[in-house]
Amino acid sequence: MTTINLVYCGVDGSGATVAKAKQDAASKIERCISEGFNPAIVSHPKYPEFIGLVVRDTVETWGYRFFNVNPSELAFPVHPVSACSCGFESRDAAIVACRKHAAQVAMRVDSDERTGLEFLHGLHEMHMRDHLGYIAWQRDYQRLRMAGATDSDAHAGAKADLALVAKIAA
């Protein structure tokens, strides 16, 4: 069976016939309009220099970008910290990903403080556990590197330690 792929009003569509392919594109446009285009800002007063902006990046997907804002200069200059992380199917999924990324950026490996968790407040506890595991892995990796391990050996050692922690927790 042949599949027709086309661009209709700037949106990709596919189907068994031209009409079905146009209908596919039109349904994507309709879904986009019904979901809206409202961006979201991810920030936390404890970390005023990190601002995440969640936006629709295509008709079908959402993404986010981080900006580094010098608080002493208010809004300018603004410098992107990360490339755009795109391709999330919903605004909510992009917001969760942005919050998790912000938590990682705010994390400090040189402190026992559980930094960055503020960005995860209100999310499912699975995200908190993932972040605590990420902190443990980063700290273990840094400890192994400081002890003279190569990058690959530190990665392997930190992964092994993290697997042991997960096994003990289960």
N, C-alpha and C. Protein backbone atom coordinates (compact mmCIF):
# COMPACT_ATOMS: atom_id res chain seq x y z
N MET A 1 0.83 -1.17 0.00
CA MET A 1 0.00 0.00 0.00
C MET A 1 0.89 1.25 0.00
N THR A 2 0.56 2.19 -0.81
CA THR A 2 1.31 3.43 -0.94
C THR A 2 0.86 4.44 0.11
N THR A 3 1.83 5.14 0.68
CA THR A 3 1.52 6.20 1.63
C THR A 3 1.90 7.53 0.99
N ILE A 4 0.96 8.45 1.00
CA ILE A 4 1.19 9.79 0.47
C ILE A 4 1.70 10.67 1.61
N ASN A 5 2.84 11.31 1.40
CA ASN A 5 3.39 12.28 2.35
C ASN A 5 3.37 13.64 1.70
N LEU A 6 2.84 14.64 2.41
CA LEU A 6 2.77 15.99 1.85
C LEU A 6 2.86 17.02 2.96
N VAL A 7 3.01 18.26 2.54
CA VAL A 7 3.01 19.39 3.46
C VAL A 7 1.77 20.21 3.14
N TYR A 8 0.92 20.37 4.13
CA TYR A 8 -0.34 21.09 3.97
C TYR A 8 -0.35 22.24 4.98
N CYS A 9 -0.39 23.46 4.50
CA CYS A 9 -0.35 24.65 5.35
C CYS A 9 0.88 24.63 6.26
N GLY A 10 2.00 24.13 5.76
CA GLY A 10 3.25 24.11 6.51
C GLY A 10 3.39 22.95 7.47
N VAL A 11 2.46 22.01 7.44
CA VAL A 11 2.48 20.89 8.38
C VAL A 11 2.52 19.58 7.60
N ASP A 12 3.38 18.66 8.06
CA ASP A 12 3.49 17.35 7.41
C ASP A 12 2.22 16.54 7.65
N GLY A 13 1.82 15.82 6.61
CA GLY A 13 0.69 14.92 6.73
C GLY A 13 0.95 13.67 5.91
N SER A 14 0.37 12.56 6.31
CA SER A 14 0.52 11.34 5.54
C SER A 14 -0.77 10.54 5.59
N GLY A 15 -1.00 9.76 4.53
CA GLY A 15 -2.20 8.94 4.46
C GLY A 15 -2.22 8.14 3.18
N ALA A 16 -3.22 7.31 3.06
CA ALA A 16 -3.34 6.44 1.89
C ALA A 16 -3.70 7.23 0.63
N THR A 17 -4.36 8.37 0.80
CA THR A 17 -4.73 9.23 -0.33
C THR A 17 -4.31 10.65 -0.02
N VAL A 18 -4.35 11.50 -1.00
CA VAL A 18 -4.03 12.92 -0.78
C VAL A 18 -5.01 13.51 0.23
N ALA A 19 -6.29 13.16 0.09
CA ALA A 19 -7.29 13.68 1.02
C ALA A 19 -6.99 13.24 2.46
N LYS A 20 -6.60 11.97 2.64
CA LYS A 20 -6.27 11.46 3.99
C LYS A 20 -5.01 12.14 4.52
N ALA A 21 -4.03 12.40 3.66
CA ALA A 21 -2.80 13.08 4.08
C ALA A 21 -3.11 14.51 4.50
N LYS A 22 -3.96 15.21 3.76
CA LYS A 22 -4.37 16.57 4.14
C LYS A 22 -5.15 16.54 5.45
N GLN A 23 -6.00 15.54 5.60
CA GLN A 23 -6.77 15.39 6.84
C GLN A 23 -5.84 15.16 8.03
N ASP A 24 -4.78 14.38 7.85
CA ASP A 24 -3.80 14.14 8.90
C ASP A 24 -3.12 15.45 9.31
N ALA A 25 -2.69 16.23 8.33
CA ALA A 25 -2.05 17.52 8.62
C ALA A 25 -3.04 18.46 9.30
N ALA A 26 -4.27 18.49 8.81
CA ALA A 26 -5.28 19.37 9.40
C ALA A 26 -5.57 18.99 10.85
N SER A 27 -5.57 17.69 11.16
CA SER A 27 -5.81 17.26 12.55
C SER A 27 -4.66 17.70 13.46
N LYS A 28 -3.44 17.72 12.94
CA LYS A 28 -2.30 18.20 13.72
C LYS A 28 -2.43 19.70 13.99
N ILE A 29 -2.87 20.44 12.98
CA ILE A 29 -3.08 21.88 13.15
C ILE A 29 -4.19 22.13 14.18
N GLU A 30 -5.27 21.38 14.07
CA GLU A 30 -6.40 21.52 14.99
C GLU A 30 -5.96 21.23 16.43
N ARG A 31 -5.19 20.16 16.63
CA ARG A 31 -4.70 19.80 17.96
C ARG A 31 -3.80 20.91 18.51
N CYS A 32 -2.95 21.45 17.66
CA CYS A 32 -2.05 22.52 18.08
C CYS A 32 -2.84 23.74 18.54
N ILE A 33 -3.84 24.11 17.77
CA ILE A 33 -4.65 25.28 18.12
C ILE A 33 -5.42 25.03 19.41
N SER A 34 -5.97 23.83 19.57
CA SER A 34 -6.75 23.53 20.78
C SER A 34 -5.87 23.48 22.03
N GLU A 35 -4.61 23.01 21.89
CA GLU A 35 -3.70 22.96 23.03
C GLU A 35 -3.16 24.34 23.38
N GLY A 36 -3.10 25.21 22.41
CA GLY A 36 -2.62 26.56 22.65
C GLY A 36 -1.12 26.71 22.47
N PHE A 37 -0.68 27.93 22.66
CA PHE A 37 0.73 28.28 22.45
C PHE A 37 1.35 28.92 23.69
N ASN A 38 0.64 28.86 24.82
CA ASN A 38 1.12 29.55 26.01
C ASN A 38 2.47 29.01 26.48
N PRO A 39 3.48 29.87 26.53
CA PRO A 39 4.78 29.44 27.04
C PRO A 39 4.72 29.32 28.57
N ALA A 40 5.73 28.73 29.14
CA ALA A 40 5.85 28.63 30.60
C ALA A 40 7.27 29.00 30.99
N ILE A 41 7.41 29.62 32.13
CA ILE A 41 8.73 29.98 32.65
C ILE A 41 9.00 29.11 33.87
N VAL A 42 10.17 28.49 33.89
CA VAL A 42 10.59 27.67 35.03
C VAL A 42 11.71 28.44 35.73
N SER A 43 11.47 28.76 37.00
CA SER A 43 12.49 29.48 37.78
C SER A 43 12.25 29.19 39.25
N HIS A 44 13.21 29.58 40.08
CA HIS A 44 13.08 29.43 41.52
C HIS A 44 13.84 30.58 42.18
N PRO A 45 13.25 31.21 43.21
CA PRO A 45 13.91 32.36 43.85
C PRO A 45 15.31 32.05 44.37
N LYS A 46 15.57 30.80 44.75
CA LYS A 46 16.89 30.44 45.27
C LYS A 46 17.95 30.46 44.17
N TYR A 47 17.52 30.32 42.92
CA TYR A 47 18.44 30.28 41.78
C TYR A 47 17.99 31.30 40.72
N PRO A 48 18.08 32.59 41.01
CA PRO A 48 17.53 33.59 40.08
C PRO A 48 18.27 33.66 38.75
N GLU A 49 19.47 33.10 38.69
CA GLU A 49 20.25 33.20 37.45
C GLU A 49 19.82 32.17 36.40
N PHE A 50 19.03 31.18 36.78
CA PHE A 50 18.59 30.15 35.84
C PHE A 50 17.11 30.33 35.52
N ILE A 51 16.83 30.57 34.26
CA ILE A 51 15.45 30.70 33.82
C ILE A 51 15.24 29.76 32.64
N GLY A 52 14.24 28.92 32.75
CA GLY A 52 13.88 28.03 31.65
C GLY A 52 12.63 28.54 30.98
N LEU A 53 12.63 28.56 29.67
CA LEU A 53 11.47 29.00 28.90
C LEU A 53 10.96 27.82 28.09
N VAL A 54 9.72 27.40 28.36
CA VAL A 54 9.09 26.29 27.66
C VAL A 54 8.18 26.88 26.59
N VAL A 55 8.40 26.46 25.35
CA VAL A 55 7.61 26.98 24.22
C VAL A 55 7.28 25.84 23.25
N ARG A 56 6.27 26.09 22.45
CA ARG A 56 5.96 25.14 21.37
C ARG A 56 7.03 25.34 20.31
N ASP A 57 7.73 24.25 19.93
CA ASP A 57 8.79 24.41 18.93
C ASP A 57 8.35 23.98 17.54
N THR A 58 7.30 23.20 17.44
CA THR A 58 6.69 22.88 16.14
C THR A 58 5.20 22.76 16.38
N VAL A 59 4.47 22.50 15.34
CA VAL A 59 3.03 22.30 15.49
C VAL A 59 2.75 21.11 16.40
N GLU A 60 3.64 20.12 16.40
CA GLU A 60 3.40 18.89 17.14
C GLU A 60 4.14 18.78 18.46
N THR A 61 5.20 19.53 18.67
CA THR A 61 6.04 19.31 19.86
C THR A 61 6.35 20.59 20.63
N TRP A 62 6.80 20.38 21.87
CA TRP A 62 7.22 21.45 22.77
C TRP A 62 8.70 21.28 23.10
N GLY A 63 9.33 22.35 23.53
CA GLY A 63 10.72 22.30 23.93
C GLY A 63 11.02 23.37 24.96
N TYR A 64 12.25 23.41 25.41
CA TYR A 64 12.66 24.45 26.36
C TYR A 64 14.09 24.87 26.09
N ARG A 65 14.42 26.03 26.58
CA ARG A 65 15.77 26.58 26.50
C ARG A 65 16.05 27.28 27.82
N PHE A 66 17.28 27.12 28.29
CA PHE A 66 17.69 27.82 29.50
C PHE A 66 18.40 29.11 29.15
N PHE A 67 18.20 30.09 29.99
CA PHE A 67 18.89 31.36 29.85
C PHE A 67 19.60 31.65 31.16
N ASN A 68 20.76 32.23 31.04
CA ASN A 68 21.52 32.65 32.21
C ASN A 68 21.36 34.15 32.32
N VAL A 69 20.73 34.58 33.39
CA VAL A 69 20.47 36.01 33.59
C VAL A 69 21.30 36.47 34.77
N ASN A 70 22.09 37.49 34.57
CA ASN A 70 22.86 38.05 35.67
C ASN A 70 21.90 38.91 36.50
N PRO A 71 21.59 38.49 37.74
CA PRO A 71 20.61 39.22 38.54
C PRO A 71 20.98 40.67 38.78
N SER A 72 22.26 40.99 38.82
CA SER A 72 22.66 42.37 39.06
C SER A 72 22.39 43.25 37.85
N GLU A 73 22.21 42.64 36.69
CA GLU A 73 21.93 43.41 35.47
C GLU A 73 20.47 43.27 35.06
N LEU A 74 19.65 42.73 35.96
CA LEU A 74 18.23 42.46 35.71
C LEU A 74 18.08 41.56 34.50
N ALA A 75 17.58 42.07 33.39
CA ALA A 75 17.28 41.18 32.27
C ALA A 75 18.34 41.15 31.19
N PHE A 76 19.32 42.05 31.20
CA PHE A 76 20.27 42.09 30.10
C PHE A 76 21.69 42.14 30.63
N PRO A 77 22.66 41.52 30.02
CA PRO A 77 22.46 40.67 28.85
C PRO A 77 21.95 39.28 29.25
N VAL A 78 21.25 38.67 28.34
CA VAL A 78 20.73 37.32 28.53
C VAL A 78 21.51 36.39 27.61
N HIS A 79 22.03 35.32 28.16
CA HIS A 79 22.84 34.39 27.38
C HIS A 79 22.25 32.99 27.49
N PRO A 80 22.01 32.32 26.38
CA PRO A 80 21.54 30.94 26.47
C PRO A 80 22.59 30.07 27.16
N VAL A 81 22.15 29.21 28.06
CA VAL A 81 23.04 28.30 28.75
C VAL A 81 23.07 26.96 28.03
N SER A 82 21.94 26.52 27.51
CA SER A 82 21.89 25.22 26.86
C SER A 82 21.23 25.36 25.50
N ALA A 83 21.51 24.40 24.66
CA ALA A 83 20.81 24.33 23.39
C ALA A 83 19.36 23.96 23.69
N CYS A 84 18.53 24.16 22.72
CA CYS A 84 17.12 23.85 22.88
C CYS A 84 16.92 22.35 23.05
N SER A 85 16.16 21.97 24.03
CA SER A 85 15.78 20.57 24.21
C SER A 85 14.34 20.46 23.71
N CYS A 86 14.17 19.80 22.59
CA CYS A 86 12.88 19.82 21.91
C CYS A 86 12.31 18.42 21.74
N GLY A 87 11.11 18.38 21.23
CA GLY A 87 10.49 17.12 20.83
C GLY A 87 9.55 16.52 21.85
N PHE A 88 9.15 17.26 22.86
CA PHE A 88 8.22 16.73 23.85
C PHE A 88 6.81 16.80 23.31
N GLU A 89 6.04 15.75 23.53
CA GLU A 89 4.70 15.67 22.95
C GLU A 89 3.70 16.63 23.58
N SER A 90 3.96 17.07 24.80
CA SER A 90 3.02 17.99 25.45
C SER A 90 3.77 19.08 26.19
N ARG A 91 3.04 20.14 26.49
CA ARG A 91 3.60 21.25 27.26
C ARG A 91 4.01 20.75 28.64
N ASP A 92 3.14 19.93 29.26
CA ASP A 92 3.44 19.41 30.60
C ASP A 92 4.72 18.57 30.61
N ALA A 93 4.91 17.73 29.60
CA ALA A 93 6.12 16.91 29.53
C ALA A 93 7.36 17.80 29.39
N ALA A 94 7.25 18.87 28.61
CA ALA A 94 8.38 19.79 28.45
C ALA A 94 8.67 20.54 29.75
N ILE A 95 7.63 20.89 30.50
CA ILE A 95 7.82 21.58 31.78
C ILE A 95 8.53 20.66 32.77
N VAL A 96 8.10 19.40 32.85
CA VAL A 96 8.74 18.45 33.76
C VAL A 96 10.22 18.28 33.38
N ALA A 97 10.49 18.11 32.08
CA ALA A 97 11.88 17.94 31.63
C ALA A 97 12.71 19.18 31.96
N CYS A 98 12.14 20.35 31.77
CA CYS A 98 12.84 21.60 32.07
C CYS A 98 13.13 21.70 33.57
N ARG A 99 12.16 21.33 34.40
CA ARG A 99 12.36 21.38 35.85
C ARG A 99 13.45 20.39 36.28
N LYS A 100 13.46 19.19 35.68
CA LYS A 100 14.49 18.21 36.01
C LYS A 100 15.87 18.71 35.58
N HIS A 101 15.94 19.33 34.42
CA HIS A 101 17.20 19.88 33.93
C HIS A 101 17.67 21.01 34.85
N ALA A 102 16.74 21.88 35.26
CA ALA A 102 17.09 22.98 36.17
C ALA A 102 17.63 22.43 37.49
N ALA A 103 17.04 21.35 37.98
CA ALA A 103 17.51 20.74 39.22
C ALA A 103 18.94 20.25 39.06
N GLN A 104 19.27 19.69 37.88
CA GLN A 104 20.64 19.22 37.64
C GLN A 104 21.61 20.37 37.54
N VAL A 105 21.18 21.46 36.89
CA VAL A 105 22.06 22.63 36.75
C VAL A 105 22.33 23.25 38.12
N ALA A 106 21.33 23.26 38.99
CA ALA A 106 21.47 23.87 40.32
C ALA A 106 22.23 23.00 41.30
N MET A 107 22.36 21.70 40.99
CA MET A 107 23.01 20.77 41.89
C MET A 107 24.49 21.12 42.10
N ARG A 108 24.96 20.90 43.31
CA ARG A 108 26.38 21.12 43.63
C ARG A 108 26.97 19.81 44.09
N VAL A 109 28.00 19.34 43.38
CA VAL A 109 28.64 18.09 43.78
C VAL A 109 29.60 18.28 44.94
N ASP A 110 29.99 19.51 45.20
CA ASP A 110 30.97 19.77 46.25
C ASP A 110 30.32 20.03 47.61
N SER A 111 29.06 19.69 47.75
CA SER A 111 28.33 19.95 48.99
C SER A 111 27.45 18.75 49.31
N ASP A 112 27.22 18.51 50.59
CA ASP A 112 26.30 17.44 50.98
C ASP A 112 24.85 17.88 50.89
N GLU A 113 24.66 19.16 50.63
CA GLU A 113 23.31 19.70 50.52
C GLU A 113 22.58 19.05 49.34
N ARG A 114 21.31 18.80 49.50
CA ARG A 114 20.49 18.22 48.42
C ARG A 114 20.02 19.35 47.51
N THR A 115 20.91 19.91 46.76
CA THR A 115 20.62 21.08 45.96
C THR A 115 19.81 20.72 44.72
N GLY A 116 18.98 21.68 44.32
CA GLY A 116 18.20 21.53 43.10
C GLY A 116 16.83 20.93 43.31
N LEU A 117 16.60 20.30 44.47
CA LEU A 117 15.31 19.65 44.70
C LEU A 117 14.15 20.63 44.66
N GLU A 118 14.43 21.90 44.89
CA GLU A 118 13.36 22.91 44.89
C GLU A 118 12.62 22.94 43.55
N PHE A 119 13.33 22.66 42.46
CA PHE A 119 12.71 22.68 41.14
C PHE A 119 11.74 21.51 40.96
N LEU A 120 11.86 20.48 41.79
CA LEU A 120 11.05 19.28 41.63
C LEU A 120 9.87 19.23 42.59
N HIS A 121 9.73 20.24 43.44
CA HIS A 121 8.64 20.27 44.41
C HIS A 121 7.29 20.13 43.69
N GLY A 122 6.48 19.21 44.18
CA GLY A 122 5.16 19.02 43.61
C GLY A 122 5.10 17.98 42.50
N LEU A 123 6.25 17.51 42.02
CA LEU A 123 6.25 16.47 41.00
C LEU A 123 6.18 15.10 41.67
N HIS A 124 5.95 14.08 40.89
CA HIS A 124 5.90 12.71 41.40
C HIS A 124 7.23 12.39 42.10
N GLU A 125 7.16 11.64 43.20
CA GLU A 125 8.37 11.36 43.98
C GLU A 125 9.43 10.60 43.17
N MET A 126 9.03 9.94 42.09
CA MET A 126 9.99 9.26 41.23
C MET A 126 11.04 10.26 40.71
N HIS A 127 10.61 11.48 40.41
CA HIS A 127 11.54 12.49 39.91
C HIS A 127 12.53 12.90 41.01
N MET A 128 12.06 12.95 42.25
CA MET A 128 12.95 13.26 43.37
C MET A 128 14.00 12.15 43.53
N ARG A 129 13.55 10.88 43.47
CA ARG A 129 14.49 9.76 43.60
C ARG A 129 15.51 9.78 42.46
N ASP A 130 15.04 10.04 41.24
CA ASP A 130 15.96 10.12 40.10
C ASP A 130 17.01 11.19 40.33
N HIS A 131 16.57 12.34 40.84
CA HIS A 131 17.52 13.44 41.07
C HIS A 131 18.51 13.10 42.17
N LEU A 132 18.05 12.47 43.24
CA LEU A 132 18.97 12.08 44.31
C LEU A 132 19.97 11.05 43.80
N GLY A 133 19.52 10.14 42.93
CA GLY A 133 20.44 9.18 42.30
C GLY A 133 21.45 9.88 41.41
N TYR A 134 20.99 10.92 40.68
CA TYR A 134 21.88 11.69 39.83
C TYR A 134 22.95 12.39 40.68
N ILE A 135 22.53 12.99 41.80
CA ILE A 135 23.48 13.66 42.69
C ILE A 135 24.51 12.64 43.20
N ALA A 136 24.02 11.47 43.64
CA ALA A 136 24.93 10.44 44.15
C ALA A 136 25.92 10.02 43.08
N TRP A 137 25.43 9.83 41.86
CA TRP A 137 26.32 9.41 40.77
C TRP A 137 27.37 10.48 40.49
N GLN A 138 26.96 11.75 40.42
CA GLN A 138 27.90 12.84 40.15
C GLN A 138 28.96 12.94 41.24
N ARG A 139 28.54 12.81 42.48
CA ARG A 139 29.49 12.92 43.59
C ARG A 139 30.45 11.73 43.59
N ASP A 140 29.93 10.54 43.29
CA ASP A 140 30.78 9.35 43.22
C ASP A 140 31.77 9.47 42.07
N TYR A 141 31.30 9.94 40.93
CA TYR A 141 32.17 10.14 39.77
C TYR A 141 33.29 11.12 40.12
N GLN A 142 32.93 12.23 40.75
CA GLN A 142 33.93 13.23 41.11
C GLN A 142 34.94 12.66 42.11
N ARG A 143 34.45 11.88 43.09
CA ARG A 143 35.35 11.27 44.07
C ARG A 143 36.36 10.34 43.39
N LEU A 144 35.88 9.53 42.44
CA LEU A 144 36.77 8.61 41.73
C LEU A 144 37.78 9.36 40.86
N ARG A 145 37.33 10.43 40.21
CA ARG A 145 38.26 11.23 39.38
C ARG A 145 39.33 11.89 40.25
N MET A 146 38.92 12.40 41.41
CA MET A 146 39.87 13.04 42.32
C MET A 146 40.88 12.02 42.87
N ALA A 147 40.47 10.75 42.92
CA ALA A 147 41.36 9.69 43.40
C ALA A 147 42.28 9.18 42.29
N GLY A 148 42.15 9.76 41.08
CA GLY A 148 43.06 9.41 39.99
C GLY A 148 42.48 8.49 38.93
N ALA A 149 41.21 8.15 39.02
CA ALA A 149 40.59 7.27 38.02
C ALA A 149 40.45 8.02 36.69
N THR A 150 40.58 7.29 35.60
CA THR A 150 40.34 7.89 34.29
C THR A 150 38.85 8.18 34.15
N ASP A 151 38.49 8.95 33.14
CA ASP A 151 37.08 9.27 32.90
C ASP A 151 36.26 8.00 32.73
N SER A 152 36.72 7.07 31.88
CA SER A 152 35.93 5.85 31.64
C SER A 152 35.87 4.97 32.89
N ASP A 153 36.98 4.88 33.65
CA ASP A 153 36.96 4.09 34.88
C ASP A 153 36.03 4.72 35.92
N ALA A 154 36.03 6.05 36.02
CA ALA A 154 35.14 6.74 36.96
C ALA A 154 33.69 6.53 36.56
N HIS A 155 33.39 6.58 35.25
CA HIS A 155 32.03 6.31 34.80
C HIS A 155 31.61 4.89 35.19
N ALA A 156 32.46 3.93 34.91
CA ALA A 156 32.15 2.53 35.22
C ALA A 156 31.99 2.34 36.72
N GLY A 157 32.88 2.91 37.50
CA GLY A 157 32.81 2.77 38.95
C GLY A 157 31.58 3.42 39.54
N ALA A 158 31.25 4.61 39.06
CA ALA A 158 30.06 5.31 39.56
C ALA A 158 28.80 4.54 39.19
N LYS A 159 28.76 3.98 37.97
CA LYS A 159 27.59 3.19 37.55
C LYS A 159 27.47 1.95 38.42
N ALA A 160 28.60 1.29 38.71
CA ALA A 160 28.57 0.08 39.54
C ALA A 160 28.07 0.42 40.94
N ASP A 161 28.55 1.53 41.51
CA ASP A 161 28.11 1.93 42.84
C ASP A 161 26.62 2.28 42.84
N LEU A 162 26.16 2.94 41.78
CA LEU A 162 24.75 3.31 41.69
C LEU A 162 23.88 2.07 41.55
N ALA A 163 24.34 1.07 40.79
CA ALA A 163 23.60 -0.18 40.65
C ALA A 163 23.50 -0.89 41.98
N LEU A 164 24.57 -0.85 42.77
CA LEU A 164 24.55 -1.46 44.10
C LEU A 164 23.56 -0.75 45.01
N VAL A 165 23.54 0.58 44.96
CA VAL A 165 22.59 1.35 45.76
C VAL A 165 21.16 0.99 45.37
N ALA A 166 20.88 0.89 44.06
CA ALA A 166 19.55 0.54 43.59
C ALA A 166 19.15 -0.86 44.04
N LYS A 167 20.11 -1.78 44.02
CA LYS A 167 19.84 -3.16 44.43
C LYS A 167 19.52 -3.22 45.93
N ILE A 168 20.26 -2.46 46.72
CA ILE A 168 20.03 -2.44 48.16
C ILE A 168 18.67 -1.81 48.47
N ALA A 169 18.31 -0.76 47.72
CA ALA A 169 17.04 -0.07 47.96
C ALA A 169 15.84 -0.91 47.57
N ALA A 170 16.03 -1.87 46.64
CA ALA A 170 14.91 -2.69 46.15
C ALA A 170 14.51 -3.77 47.08
